[in-house]
Amino acid sequence: MNDTLGLILWVIIPYMALVSFILGHVWRYRYDGFGWTTRSSQMYESKLLRIGSPLFHYGIIFVFLGHVVGLGIPKSWTAAVGITNEVYHLMAVTIGLGAAAATIGGLILLIYRRRTNNRVFGATTKMDKLMYAMLAVTVIAGIYSTIFESLIGHYDYREGISVWFRQFWIFQPDMGLMTSAPPGFQVHVMSAILLFAVWPFTRLVHAFTVPLGYLMRPYIVYRSNSAKKPAERRGWEKVDF
């Protein structure tokens, strides 16, 4: 991979995706507030949704947390607290692949549900289709690279991709760390970058709408009538005999 292509793929595109992610959410919130929704299709079909949705959401949460640790925490830090490289990789493979399996299983069910139910499919937008395709590529590439390039191929992403990721946030990304990464990891990272670029324009925005107020909401909401004006009497009640 030449330097120009490496610069485009691992410096320019990631920063463009970051700008799209931030400004896209601002635009969506200001100009499409009523569209900030999951576009729920539960009314059309709920049996598969009850299984697929929790599988996907809980799986993706653990995948996210695993990536926070793997990308955000330097290798030297985990070694300093007594976590050896072997133990770390064992945890990454067992917990990580378990979470990935739940994610891909839930995703398969959700896609199958949309393809086989005419009413659900009718409520599926073009951006939904793009989102599902990009999620599938990202997750599958992640599973492939973890098994065949990290576990079997012995590539240590914490000495390459993780370093590039942390450098990215201080605006000093070394594109060489990514150009030298195995192809599966490159596909995984690039597909994730592009997914974040289109994130604000899909139903994924609901991830940032956490209904915390719901937890403190009373079971029954009472409203006081003290501030209201007395109800006017009906026409026939106003007549004096």
Foldseek 3Di string as FASTA:
>chain_A
DDPVVLCVQQPVLLVLLVVLLVVLQVCCCVPVVVVLALLDPCVQPPPLCVQLVVLQVVLVVLLVVLCCCLQVPAPVVCVVVPQDPVNNLVCCCPSVVVSLVSNVVSLVSVVVVLVPRPVNVVSQDPVNVVLSVLVNQLSVLVNCCSVVCCVVVVDRCSVAVSVQSVCSVVSRGDSVSQVPGDPSVSSNVSSVSVSSSCCSVHNNSCVPVDPPVVVVDDPDDDDDCVPPDDDDDDPVVPDDD
